[in-house]
PDB file of all heavy atoms in Angstrom:
ATOM      1  N   THR A   1      -3.458  33.587  -5.294  1.00  0.00           N
ATOM      2  CA  THR A   1      -4.407  32.570  -4.837  1.00  0.00           C
ATOM      3  C   THR A   1      -3.904  31.172  -5.162  1.00  0.00           C
ATOM      4  O   THR A   1      -4.028  30.254  -4.329  1.00  0.00           O
ATOM      5  CB  THR A   1      -5.784  32.807  -5.487  1.00  0.00           C
ATOM      6  OG1 THR A   1      -6.205  34.146  -5.201  1.00  0.00           O
ATOM      7  CG2 THR A   1      -6.809  31.833  -4.955  1.00  0.00           C
ATOM      8  N   ILE A   2      -3.330  30.990  -6.330  1.00  0.00           N
ATOM      9  CA  ILE A   2      -2.771  29.683  -6.694  1.00  0.00           C
ATOM     10  C   ILE A   2      -1.628  29.316  -5.750  1.00  0.00           C
ATOM     11  O   ILE A   2      -1.524  28.166  -5.300  1.00  0.00           O
ATOM     12  CB  ILE A   2      -2.310  29.678  -8.165  1.00  0.00           C
ATOM     13  CG1 ILE A   2      -3.522  29.723  -9.091  1.00  0.00           C
ATOM     14  CG2 ILE A   2      -1.452  28.459  -8.472  1.00  0.00           C
ATOM     15  CD1 ILE A   2      -3.192  29.944 -10.544  1.00  0.00           C
ATOM     16  N   MET A   3      -0.783  30.285  -5.409  1.00  0.00           N
ATOM     17  CA  MET A   3       0.310  30.017  -4.473  1.00  0.00           C
ATOM     18  C   MET A   3      -0.219  29.634  -3.103  1.00  0.00           C
ATOM     19  O   MET A   3       0.316  28.722  -2.448  1.00  0.00           O
ATOM     20  CB  MET A   3       1.223  31.240  -4.373  1.00  0.00           C
ATOM     21  CG  MET A   3       2.082  31.461  -5.592  1.00  0.00           C
ATOM     22  SD  MET A   3       3.114  32.928  -5.448  1.00  0.00           S
ATOM     23  CE  MET A   3       4.246  32.416  -4.177  1.00  0.00           C
ATOM     24  N   ILE A   4      -1.260  30.301  -2.643  1.00  0.00           N
ATOM     25  CA  ILE A   4      -1.856  29.977  -1.347  1.00  0.00           C
ATOM     26  C   ILE A   4      -2.437  28.575  -1.363  1.00  0.00           C
ATOM     27  O   ILE A   4      -2.247  27.795  -0.421  1.00  0.00           O
ATOM     28  CB  ILE A   4      -2.906  31.034  -0.958  1.00  0.00           C
ATOM     29  CG1 ILE A   4      -2.213  32.364  -0.655  1.00  0.00           C
ATOM     30  CG2 ILE A   4      -3.732  30.564   0.234  1.00  0.00           C
ATOM     31  CD1 ILE A   4      -3.155  33.524  -0.454  1.00  0.00           C
ATOM     32  N   VAL A   5      -3.132  28.222  -2.434  1.00  0.00           N
ATOM     33  CA  VAL A   5      -3.719  26.880  -2.538  1.00  0.00           C
ATOM     34  C   VAL A   5      -2.632  25.809  -2.561  1.00  0.00           C
ATOM     35  O   VAL A   5      -2.751  24.768  -1.895  1.00  0.00           O
ATOM     36  CB  VAL A   5      -4.636  26.793  -3.786  1.00  0.00           C
ATOM     37  CG1 VAL A   5      -5.034  25.365  -4.080  1.00  0.00           C
ATOM     38  CG2 VAL A   5      -5.858  27.669  -3.606  1.00  0.00           C
ATOM     39  N   ILE A   6      -1.552  26.048  -3.303  1.00  0.00           N
ATOM     40  CA  ILE A   6      -0.439  25.090  -3.336  1.00  0.00           C
ATOM     41  C   ILE A   6       0.171  24.944  -1.946  1.00  0.00           C
ATOM     42  O   ILE A   6       0.474  23.831  -1.502  1.00  0.00           O
ATOM     43  CB  ILE A   6       0.619  25.522  -4.372  1.00  0.00           C
ATOM     44  CG1 ILE A   6       0.077  25.354  -5.788  1.00  0.00           C
ATOM     45  CG2 ILE A   6       1.908  24.727  -4.194  1.00  0.00           C
ATOM     46  CD1 ILE A   6       0.963  25.944  -6.859  1.00  0.00           C
ATOM     47  N   GLY A   7       0.341  26.052  -1.237  1.00  0.00           N
ATOM     48  CA  GLY A   7       0.883  25.998   0.115  1.00  0.00           C
ATOM     49  C   GLY A   7       0.000  25.209   1.065  1.00  0.00           C
ATOM     50  O   GLY A   7       0.489  24.402   1.859  1.00  0.00           O
ATOM     51  N   VAL A   8      -1.305  25.425   0.976  1.00  0.00           N
ATOM     52  CA  VAL A   8      -2.234  24.684   1.830  1.00  0.00           C
ATOM     53  C   VAL A   8      -2.184  23.198   1.504  1.00  0.00           C
ATOM     54  O   VAL A   8      -2.184  22.342   2.404  1.00  0.00           O
ATOM     55  CB  VAL A   8      -3.658  25.257   1.695  1.00  0.00           C
ATOM     56  CG1 VAL A   8      -4.687  24.349   2.341  1.00  0.00           C
ATOM     57  CG2 VAL A   8      -3.730  26.651   2.292  1.00  0.00           C
ATOM     58  N   LEU A   9      -2.135  22.862   0.219  1.00  0.00           N
ATOM     59  CA  LEU A   9      -2.044  21.451  -0.169  1.00  0.00           C
ATOM     60  C   LEU A   9      -0.747  20.812   0.319  1.00  0.00           C
ATOM     61  O   LEU A   9      -0.737  19.652   0.749  1.00  0.00           O
ATOM     62  CB  LEU A   9      -2.159  21.298  -1.682  1.00  0.00           C
ATOM     63  CG  LEU A   9      -3.555  21.486  -2.271  1.00  0.00           C
ATOM     64  CD1 LEU A   9      -3.507  21.443  -3.783  1.00  0.00           C
ATOM     65  CD2 LEU A   9      -4.505  20.439  -1.730  1.00  0.00           C
ATOM     66  N   LEU A  10       0.357  21.549   0.250  1.00  0.00           N
ATOM     67  CA  LEU A  10       1.627  21.018   0.744  1.00  0.00           C
ATOM     68  C   LEU A  10       1.563  20.734   2.242  1.00  0.00           C
ATOM     69  O   LEU A  10       2.137  19.755   2.720  1.00  0.00           O
ATOM     70  CB  LEU A  10       2.769  21.995   0.459  1.00  0.00           C
ATOM     71  CG  LEU A  10       3.381  21.946  -0.924  1.00  0.00           C
ATOM     72  CD1 LEU A  10       4.332  23.114  -1.120  1.00  0.00           C
ATOM     73  CD2 LEU A  10       4.112  20.650  -1.139  1.00  0.00           C
ATOM     74  N   ILE A  11       0.875  21.577   2.980  1.00  0.00           N
ATOM     75  CA  ILE A  11       0.783  21.382   4.418  1.00  0.00           C
ATOM     76  C   ILE A  11      -0.180  20.244   4.756  1.00  0.00           C
ATOM     77  O   ILE A  11       0.127  19.397   5.599  1.00  0.00           O
ATOM     78  CB  ILE A  11       0.360  22.695   5.113  1.00  0.00           C
ATOM     79  CG1 ILE A  11       1.500  23.708   5.010  1.00  0.00           C
ATOM     80  CG2 ILE A  11      -0.010  22.447   6.569  1.00  0.00           C
ATOM     81  CD1 ILE A  11       1.145  25.079   5.498  1.00  0.00           C
ATOM     82  N   ILE A  12      -1.324  20.208   4.111  1.00  0.00           N
ATOM     83  CA  ILE A  12      -2.336  19.200   4.441  1.00  0.00           C
ATOM     84  C   ILE A  12      -1.942  17.819   3.934  1.00  0.00           C
ATOM     85  O   ILE A  12      -2.114  16.821   4.632  1.00  0.00           O
ATOM     86  CB  ILE A  12      -3.707  19.624   3.881  1.00  0.00           C
ATOM     87  CG1 ILE A  12      -4.200  20.858   4.623  1.00  0.00           C
ATOM     88  CG2 ILE A  12      -4.714  18.493   4.007  1.00  0.00           C
ATOM     89  CD1 ILE A  12      -5.473  21.447   4.062  1.00  0.00           C
ATOM     90  N   LYS A  13      -1.417  17.732   2.738  1.00  0.00           N
ATOM     91  CA  LYS A  13      -1.112  16.445   2.102  1.00  0.00           C
ATOM     92  C   LYS A  13       0.381  16.123   2.146  1.00  0.00           C
ATOM     93  O   LYS A  13       0.924  15.535   1.215  1.00  0.00           O
ATOM     94  CB  LYS A  13      -1.587  16.452   0.643  1.00  0.00           C
ATOM     95  CG  LYS A  13      -3.074  16.637   0.488  1.00  0.00           C
ATOM     96  CD  LYS A  13      -3.800  15.429   1.010  1.00  0.00           C
ATOM     97  CE  LYS A  13      -5.279  15.532   0.742  1.00  0.00           C
ATOM     98  NZ  LYS A  13      -6.011  14.388   1.239  1.00  0.00           N
ATOM     99  N   THR A  14       1.050  16.469   3.226  1.00  0.00           N
ATOM    100  CA  THR A  14       2.487  16.228   3.344  1.00  0.00           C
ATOM    101  C   THR A  14       2.831  14.750   3.207  1.00  0.00           C
ATOM    102  O   THR A  14       3.773  14.380   2.512  1.00  0.00           O
ATOM    103  CB  THR A  14       2.991  16.758   4.697  1.00  0.00           C
ATOM    104  OG1 THR A  14       2.721  18.148   4.760  1.00  0.00           O
ATOM    105  CG2 THR A  14       4.471  16.522   4.859  1.00  0.00           C
ATOM    106  N   GLU A  15       2.069  13.911   3.875  1.00  0.00           N
ATOM    107  CA  GLU A  15       2.362  12.475   3.839  1.00  0.00           C
ATOM    108  C   GLU A  15       2.231  11.930   2.426  1.00  0.00           C
ATOM    109  O   GLU A  15       3.027  11.086   2.007  1.00  0.00           O
ATOM    110  CB  GLU A  15       1.421  11.726   4.788  1.00  0.00           C
ATOM    111  CG  GLU A  15       1.786  10.281   4.988  1.00  0.00           C
ATOM    112  CD  GLU A  15       3.172  10.108   5.604  1.00  0.00           C
ATOM    113  OE1 GLU A  15       3.595  10.942   6.416  1.00  0.00           O
ATOM    114  OE2 GLU A  15       3.838   9.123   5.241  1.00  0.00           O
ATOM    115  N   TRP A  16       1.268  12.395   1.648  1.00  0.00           N
ATOM    116  CA  TRP A  16       1.103  11.949   0.259  1.00  0.00           C
ATOM    117  C   TRP A  16       2.327  12.332  -0.565  1.00  0.00           C
ATOM    118  O   TRP A  16       2.827  11.538  -1.353  1.00  0.00           O
ATOM    119  CB  TRP A  16      -0.163  12.560  -0.336  1.00  0.00           C
ATOM    120  CG  TRP A  16      -0.415  12.115  -1.735  1.00  0.00           C
ATOM    121  CD1 TRP A  16      -1.070  10.991  -2.137  1.00  0.00           C
ATOM    122  CD2 TRP A  16       0.008  12.779  -2.942  1.00  0.00           C
ATOM    123  NE1 TRP A  16      -1.085  10.924  -3.510  1.00  0.00           N
ATOM    124  CE2 TRP A  16      -0.435  12.005  -4.026  1.00  0.00           C
ATOM    125  CE3 TRP A  16       0.708  13.948  -3.197  1.00  0.00           C
ATOM    126  CZ2 TRP A  16      -0.201  12.371  -5.343  1.00  0.00           C
ATOM    127  CZ3 TRP A  16       0.941  14.310  -4.511  1.00  0.00           C
ATOM    128  CH2 TRP A  16       0.494  13.515  -5.566  1.00  0.00           C
ATOM    129  N   PHE A  17       2.809  13.562  -0.389  1.00  0.00           N
ATOM    130  CA  PHE A  17       3.998  14.002  -1.127  1.00  0.00           C
ATOM    131  C   PHE A  17       5.217  13.164  -0.751  1.00  0.00           C
ATOM    132  O   PHE A  17       6.006  12.794  -1.611  1.00  0.00           O
ATOM    133  CB  PHE A  17       4.283  15.484  -0.869  1.00  0.00           C
ATOM    134  CG  PHE A  17       3.405  16.411  -1.649  1.00  0.00           C
ATOM    135  CD1 PHE A  17       2.343  17.077  -1.042  1.00  0.00           C
ATOM    136  CD2 PHE A  17       3.627  16.631  -2.990  1.00  0.00           C
ATOM    137  CE1 PHE A  17       1.539  17.924  -1.749  1.00  0.00           C
ATOM    138  CE2 PHE A  17       2.819  17.480  -3.720  1.00  0.00           C
ATOM    139  CZ  PHE A  17       1.763  18.130  -3.100  1.00  0.00           C
ATOM    140  N   VAL A  18       5.384  12.865   0.529  1.00  0.00           N
ATOM    141  CA  VAL A  18       6.538  12.077   0.963  1.00  0.00           C
ATOM    142  C   VAL A  18       6.445  10.658   0.408  1.00  0.00           C
ATOM    143  O   VAL A  18       7.450  10.097  -0.042  1.00  0.00           O
ATOM    144  CB  VAL A  18       6.637  12.072   2.501  1.00  0.00           C
ATOM    145  CG1 VAL A  18       7.696  11.091   2.983  1.00  0.00           C
ATOM    146  CG2 VAL A  18       6.955  13.469   3.014  1.00  0.00           C
ATOM    147  N   GLN A  19       5.262  10.062   0.416  1.00  0.00           N
ATOM    148  CA  GLN A  19       5.102   8.709  -0.100  1.00  0.00           C
ATOM    149  C   GLN A  19       5.341   8.641  -1.601  1.00  0.00           C
ATOM    150  O   GLN A  19       5.893   7.658  -2.103  1.00  0.00           O
ATOM    151  CB  GLN A  19       3.708   8.179   0.222  1.00  0.00           C
ATOM    152  CG  GLN A  19       3.522   7.839   1.674  1.00  0.00           C
ATOM    153  CD  GLN A  19       2.104   7.387   1.976  1.00  0.00           C
ATOM    154  OE1 GLN A  19       1.242   7.395   1.109  1.00  0.00           O
ATOM    155  NE2 GLN A  19       1.878   6.998   3.221  1.00  0.00           N
ATOM    156  N   ASN A  20       4.933   9.654  -2.338  1.00  0.00           N
ATOM    157  CA  ASN A  20       5.052   9.617  -3.791  1.00  0.00           C
ATOM    158  C   ASN A  20       6.394  10.116  -4.317  1.00  0.00           C
ATOM    159  O   ASN A  20       6.841   9.670  -5.375  1.00  0.00           O
ATOM    160  CB  ASN A  20       3.924  10.422  -4.440  1.00  0.00           C
ATOM    161  CG  ASN A  20       2.613   9.692  -4.352  1.00  0.00           C
ATOM    162  OD1 ASN A  20       2.488   8.576  -4.827  1.00  0.00           O
ATOM    163  ND2 ASN A  20       1.642  10.313  -3.712  1.00  0.00           N
ATOM    164  N   PHE A  21       7.037  11.028  -3.618  1.00  0.00           N
ATOM    165  CA  PHE A  21       8.295  11.595  -4.103  1.00  0.00           C
ATOM    166  C   PHE A  21       9.499  11.171  -3.291  1.00  0.00           C
ATOM    167  O   PHE A  21      10.633  11.466  -3.662  1.00  0.00           O
ATOM    168  CB  PHE A  21       8.205  13.125  -4.137  1.00  0.00           C
ATOM    169  CG  PHE A  21       7.160  13.627  -5.098  1.00  0.00           C
ATOM    170  CD1 PHE A  21       5.999  14.228  -4.622  1.00  0.00           C
ATOM    171  CD2 PHE A  21       7.312  13.479  -6.458  1.00  0.00           C
ATOM    172  CE1 PHE A  21       5.026  14.686  -5.497  1.00  0.00           C
ATOM    173  CE2 PHE A  21       6.353  13.933  -7.334  1.00  0.00           C
ATOM    174  CZ  PHE A  21       5.209  14.535  -6.859  1.00  0.00           C
ATOM    175  N   GLY A  22       9.290  10.506  -2.169  1.00  0.00           N
ATOM    176  CA  GLY A  22      10.388  10.014  -1.361  1.00  0.00           C
ATOM    177  C   GLY A  22      10.896  11.046  -0.373  1.00  0.00           C
ATOM    178  O   GLY A  22      10.417  12.173  -0.302  1.00  0.00           O
ATOM    179  N   THR A  23      11.894  10.624   0.380  1.00  0.00           N
ATOM    180  CA  THR A  23      12.449  11.509   1.400  1.00  0.00           C
ATOM    181  C   THR A  23      13.639  12.287   0.845  1.00  0.00           C
ATOM    182  O   THR A  23      14.211  11.941  -0.174  1.00  0.00           O
ATOM    183  CB  THR A  23      12.907  10.692   2.629  1.00  0.00           C
ATOM    184  OG1 THR A  23      13.889   9.753   2.212  1.00  0.00           O
ATOM    185  CG2 THR A  23      11.740   9.977   3.276  1.00  0.00           C
ATOM    186  N   ASN A  24      13.994  13.324   1.564  1.00  0.00           N
ATOM    187  CA  ASN A  24      15.114  14.173   1.199  1.00  0.00           C
ATOM    188  C   ASN A  24      16.222  13.923   2.214  1.00  0.00           C
ATOM    189  O   ASN A  24      16.043  14.146   3.409  1.00  0.00           O
ATOM    190  CB  ASN A  24      14.659  15.636   1.238  1.00  0.00           C
ATOM    191  CG  ASN A  24      15.710  16.585   0.766  1.00  0.00           C
ATOM    192  OD1 ASN A  24      16.901  16.371   0.956  1.00  0.00           O
ATOM    193  ND2 ASN A  24      15.279  17.667   0.155  1.00  0.00           N
ATOM    194  N   ALA A  25      17.373  13.453   1.757  1.00  0.00           N
ATOM    195  CA  ALA A  25      18.466  13.091   2.660  1.00  0.00           C
ATOM    196  C   ALA A  25      18.960  14.294   3.455  1.00  0.00           C
ATOM    197  O   ALA A  25      19.239  14.188   4.653  1.00  0.00           O
ATOM    198  CB  ALA A  25      19.614  12.471   1.870  1.00  0.00           C
ATOM    199  N   TRP A  26      19.061  15.457   2.814  1.00  0.00           N
ATOM    200  CA  TRP A  26      19.531  16.639   3.514  1.00  0.00           C
ATOM    201  C   TRP A  26      18.568  17.024   4.630  1.00  0.00           C
ATOM    202  O   TRP A  26      18.984  17.345   5.748  1.00  0.00           O
ATOM    203  CB  TRP A  26      19.691  17.808   2.539  1.00  0.00           C
ATOM    204  CG  TRP A  26      20.141  19.058   3.219  1.00  0.00           C
ATOM    205  CD1 TRP A  26      21.430  19.427   3.467  1.00  0.00           C
ATOM    206  CD2 TRP A  26      19.316  20.089   3.758  1.00  0.00           C
ATOM    207  NE1 TRP A  26      21.452  20.630   4.126  1.00  0.00           N
ATOM    208  CE2 TRP A  26      20.171  21.049   4.318  1.00  0.00           C
ATOM    209  CE3 TRP A  26      17.944  20.295   3.829  1.00  0.00           C
ATOM    210  CZ2 TRP A  26      19.689  22.196   4.941  1.00  0.00           C
ATOM    211  CZ3 TRP A  26      17.464  21.432   4.455  1.00  0.00           C
ATOM    212  CH2 TRP A  26      18.340  22.380   5.001  1.00  0.00           C
ATOM    213  N   ALA A  27      17.268  16.998   4.330  1.00  0.00           N
ATOM    214  CA  ALA A  27      16.272  17.367   5.331  1.00  0.00           C
ATOM    215  C   ALA A  27      16.244  16.373   6.481  1.00  0.00           C
ATOM    216  O   ALA A  27      16.095  16.762   7.640  1.00  0.00           O
ATOM    217  CB  ALA A  27      14.895  17.457   4.676  1.00  0.00           C
ATOM    218  N   GLU A  28      16.401  15.102   6.180  1.00  0.00           N
ATOM    219  CA  GLU A  28      16.414  14.098   7.236  1.00  0.00           C
ATOM    220  C   GLU A  28      17.622  14.275   8.148  1.00  0.00           C
ATOM    221  O   GLU A  28      17.533  14.071   9.355  1.00  0.00           O
ATOM    222  CB  GLU A  28      16.420  12.688   6.637  1.00  0.00           C
ATOM    223  CG  GLU A  28      15.160  12.319   5.892  1.00  0.00           C
ATOM    224  CD  GLU A  28      13.924  12.254   6.776  1.00  0.00           C
ATOM    225  OE1 GLU A  28      14.045  11.879   7.955  1.00  0.00           O
ATOM    226  OE2 GLU A  28      12.839  12.593   6.276  1.00  0.00           O
ATOM    227  N   GLU A  29      18.756  14.678   7.577  1.00  0.00           N
ATOM    228  CA  GLU A  29      19.969  14.856   8.378  1.00  0.00           C
ATOM    229  C   GLU A  29      19.927  16.140   9.196  1.00  0.00           C
ATOM    230  O   GLU A  29      20.279  16.141  10.378  1.00  0.00           O
ATOM    231  CB  GLU A  29      21.188  14.876   7.458  1.00  0.00           C
ATOM    232  CG  GLU A  29      22.500  15.057   8.184  1.00  0.00           C
ATOM    233  CD  GLU A  29      23.665  15.182   7.226  1.00  0.00           C
ATOM    234  OE1 GLU A  29      23.576  14.660   6.104  1.00  0.00           O
ATOM    235  OE2 GLU A  29      24.662  15.819   7.624  1.00  0.00           O
ATOM    236  N   LYS A  30      19.490  17.233   8.580  1.00  0.00           N
ATOM    237  CA  LYS A  30      19.584  18.535   9.227  1.00  0.00           C
ATOM    238  C   LYS A  30      18.353  18.912  10.047  1.00  0.00           C
ATOM    239  O   LYS A  30      18.466  19.655  11.016  1.00  0.00           O
ATOM    240  CB  LYS A  30      19.816  19.635   8.178  1.00  0.00           C
ATOM    241  CG  LYS A  30      21.054  19.445   7.347  1.00  0.00           C
ATOM    242  CD  LYS A  30      22.303  19.584   8.159  1.00  0.00           C
ATOM    243  CE  LYS A  30      23.514  19.481   7.247  1.00  0.00           C
ATOM    244  NZ  LYS A  30      24.754  19.427   7.972  1.00  0.00           N
ATOM    245  N   LEU A  31      17.164  18.446   9.651  1.00  0.00           N
ATOM    246  CA  LEU A  31      15.935  18.898  10.299  1.00  0.00           C
ATOM    247  C   LEU A  31      15.313  17.880  11.238  1.00  0.00           C
ATOM    248  O   LEU A  31      14.366  18.198  11.938  1.00  0.00           O
ATOM    249  CB  LEU A  31      14.904  19.304   9.238  1.00  0.00           C
ATOM    250  CG  LEU A  31      15.320  20.442   8.322  1.00  0.00           C
ATOM    251  CD1 LEU A  31      14.255  20.686   7.280  1.00  0.00           C
ATOM    252  CD2 LEU A  31      15.575  21.704   9.113  1.00  0.00           C
ATOM    253  N   GLY A  32      15.783  16.674  11.249  1.00  0.00           N
ATOM    254  CA  GLY A  32      15.227  15.673  12.133  1.00  0.00           C
ATOM    255  C   GLY A  32      15.541  14.283  11.634  1.00  0.00           C
ATOM    256  O   GLY A  32      15.794  14.078  10.450  1.00  0.00           O
TER     257      GLY A  32
END
């Protein structure tokens, strides 16, 4: 249940995570 809640939060609050932790250079290059 904790894993499911963390997954839902990662999906819903993606923009918050990106703003607070920054971007990932590898993901920006390979995924878009």
